[in-house]
Amino acid sequence: MENHNSHSPSHDSHGSMKSYVIGFVLSIILTIIPIAIVMNDMLSKQLTIIVILIMAGLQFVVQLFFFMHLKDEAKPRYNTMALVFGLIILLTVVAGSIWIMSYNVVG
C-alpha cells in the first residue's frame, strides 16, 4: 500500500468554508466601522485617524490568518520572518518619506 499522507486533504493549505466566511464577515465589519465613524462625524479628526489605523491593522491580521493561511503552513516561522522583514522595509520607507516631506522646507 502506498502512503498518501503528503497529499491528503487534511494537509492541504486551503481553508474551510467556515474560515472564509468568518474572515469575510470580520473584514466587512472592520470596513464598516471606520466608514460609519467618518460618515457620521462621530469622533474628532485625531481619534478618527487612530480608529482607521487600528481597523486597518486588524484588517491586516484578519487577511493574514483567514485568507493567506499564515498559521496553517508547515513552516510558518519562515513566512512570518519574511513578513516581518517586509514590514520593516515598508515602515522604513514610509517613515523616511514622511520625515523628508515634513522637514524639507524650501526657504
Protein backbone atom coordinates (compact mmCIF):
# COMPACT_ATOMS: atom_id res chain seq x y z
CA MET A 1 0.00 0.00 0.00
CA GLU A 2 1.22 3.47 -0.88
CA ASN A 3 1.44 6.22 1.67
CA HIS A 4 -0.62 9.23 0.57
CA ASN A 5 -0.18 11.33 3.70
CA SER A 6 1.55 14.17 1.87
CA HIS A 7 -1.41 14.54 -0.49
CA SER A 8 -4.23 14.10 1.99
CA PRO A 9 -6.87 16.83 2.26
CA SER A 10 -6.06 17.39 5.93
CA HIS A 11 -2.57 18.66 4.97
CA ASP A 12 -3.90 20.90 2.24
CA SER A 13 -3.16 24.61 2.71
CA HIS A 14 -6.69 25.68 1.80
CA GLY A 15 -9.07 26.95 4.45
CA SER A 16 -12.54 25.70 5.20
CA MET A 17 -15.71 27.45 4.13
CA LYS A 18 -16.32 28.37 7.78
CA SER A 19 -12.88 30.02 7.97
CA TYR A 20 -13.51 32.02 4.79
CA VAL A 21 -16.96 33.15 5.95
CA ILE A 22 -15.61 34.24 9.35
CA GLY A 23 -12.78 36.14 7.64
CA PHE A 24 -15.20 37.76 5.19
CA VAL A 25 -17.62 38.86 7.93
CA LEU A 26 -14.78 40.25 10.05
CA SER A 27 -13.42 42.12 7.02
CA ILE A 28 -16.83 43.66 6.35
CA ILE A 29 -17.24 44.70 9.99
CA LEU A 30 -13.73 46.17 10.13
CA THR A 31 -14.52 48.16 7.00
CA ILE A 32 -17.96 49.40 8.10
CA ILE A 33 -16.76 50.71 11.49
CA PRO A 34 -14.44 53.41 10.08
CA ILE A 35 -16.92 54.27 7.32
CA ALA A 36 -19.67 54.82 9.90
CA ILE A 37 -17.39 56.94 12.07
CA VAL A 38 -16.31 59.14 9.15
CA MET A 39 -19.75 59.47 7.53
CA ASN A 40 -21.47 60.39 10.81
CA ASP A 41 -18.63 62.61 12.08
CA MET A 42 -18.67 60.75 15.40
CA LEU A 43 -15.13 61.49 16.63
CA SER A 44 -12.55 64.22 16.39
CA LYS A 45 -10.13 64.17 13.48
CA GLN A 46 -7.30 62.67 15.54
CA LEU A 47 -9.45 59.93 17.05
CA THR A 48 -10.92 59.13 13.64
CA ILE A 49 -7.43 58.65 12.22
CA ILE A 50 -6.48 56.45 15.18
CA VAL A 51 -9.60 54.29 14.73
CA ILE A 52 -8.95 53.97 10.99
CA LEU A 53 -5.35 52.87 11.64
CA ILE A 54 -6.42 50.36 14.28
CA MET A 55 -9.10 48.91 11.99
CA ALA A 56 -6.55 48.72 9.15
CA GLY A 57 -4.16 46.81 11.40
CA LEU A 58 -6.88 44.41 12.48
CA GLN A 59 -7.94 44.00 8.85
CA PHE A 60 -4.33 43.10 8.01
CA VAL A 61 -4.30 40.42 10.71
CA VAL A 62 -7.65 39.01 9.54
CA GLN A 63 -6.36 38.81 5.95
CA LEU A 64 -3.19 37.02 7.06
CA PHE A 65 -4.84 34.39 9.19
CA PHE A 66 -8.14 33.73 7.41
CA PHE A 67 -7.19 34.16 3.75
CA MET A 68 -3.42 33.78 3.46
CA HIS A 69 -3.31 30.89 5.97
CA LEU A 70 -0.22 32.14 7.77
CA LYS A 71 -0.83 29.82 10.72
CA ASP A 72 -1.56 26.74 8.55
CA GLU A 73 1.86 26.43 6.93
CA ALA A 74 4.14 23.53 7.79
CA LYS A 75 6.93 26.03 8.44
CA PRO A 76 5.11 29.24 9.47
CA ARG A 77 8.27 30.65 11.03
CA TYR A 78 9.81 31.31 7.59
CA ASN A 79 6.69 33.05 6.33
CA THR A 80 6.46 35.11 9.50
CA MET A 81 10.11 36.16 9.25
CA ALA A 82 9.65 37.19 5.61
CA LEU A 83 6.51 39.13 6.55
CA VAL A 84 8.25 40.94 9.42
CA PHE A 85 11.21 41.79 7.18
CA GLY A 86 8.85 43.19 4.53
CA LEU A 87 7.01 45.23 7.16
CA ILE A 88 10.28 46.66 8.48
CA ILE A 89 11.26 47.75 4.97
CA LEU A 90 7.78 49.18 4.36
CA LEU A 91 7.76 51.12 7.63
CA THR A 92 11.28 52.42 6.98
CA VAL A 93 10.31 53.71 3.53
CA VAL A 94 7.05 55.26 4.76
CA ALA A 95 8.62 56.84 7.87
CA GLY A 96 11.57 58.11 5.83
CA SER A 97 9.27 59.60 3.21
CA ILE A 98 7.15 61.33 5.85
CA TRP A 99 10.28 62.63 7.58
CA ILE A 100 11.70 64.00 4.32
CA MET A 101 8.37 65.61 3.37
CA SER A 102 7.95 67.14 6.85
CA TYR A 103 11.42 68.65 7.16
CA ASN A 104 12.12 69.56 3.54
CA VAL A 105 11.42 73.24 3.95
CA VAL A 106 12.24 75.34 0.90
CA GLY A 107 13.43 78.66 2.12
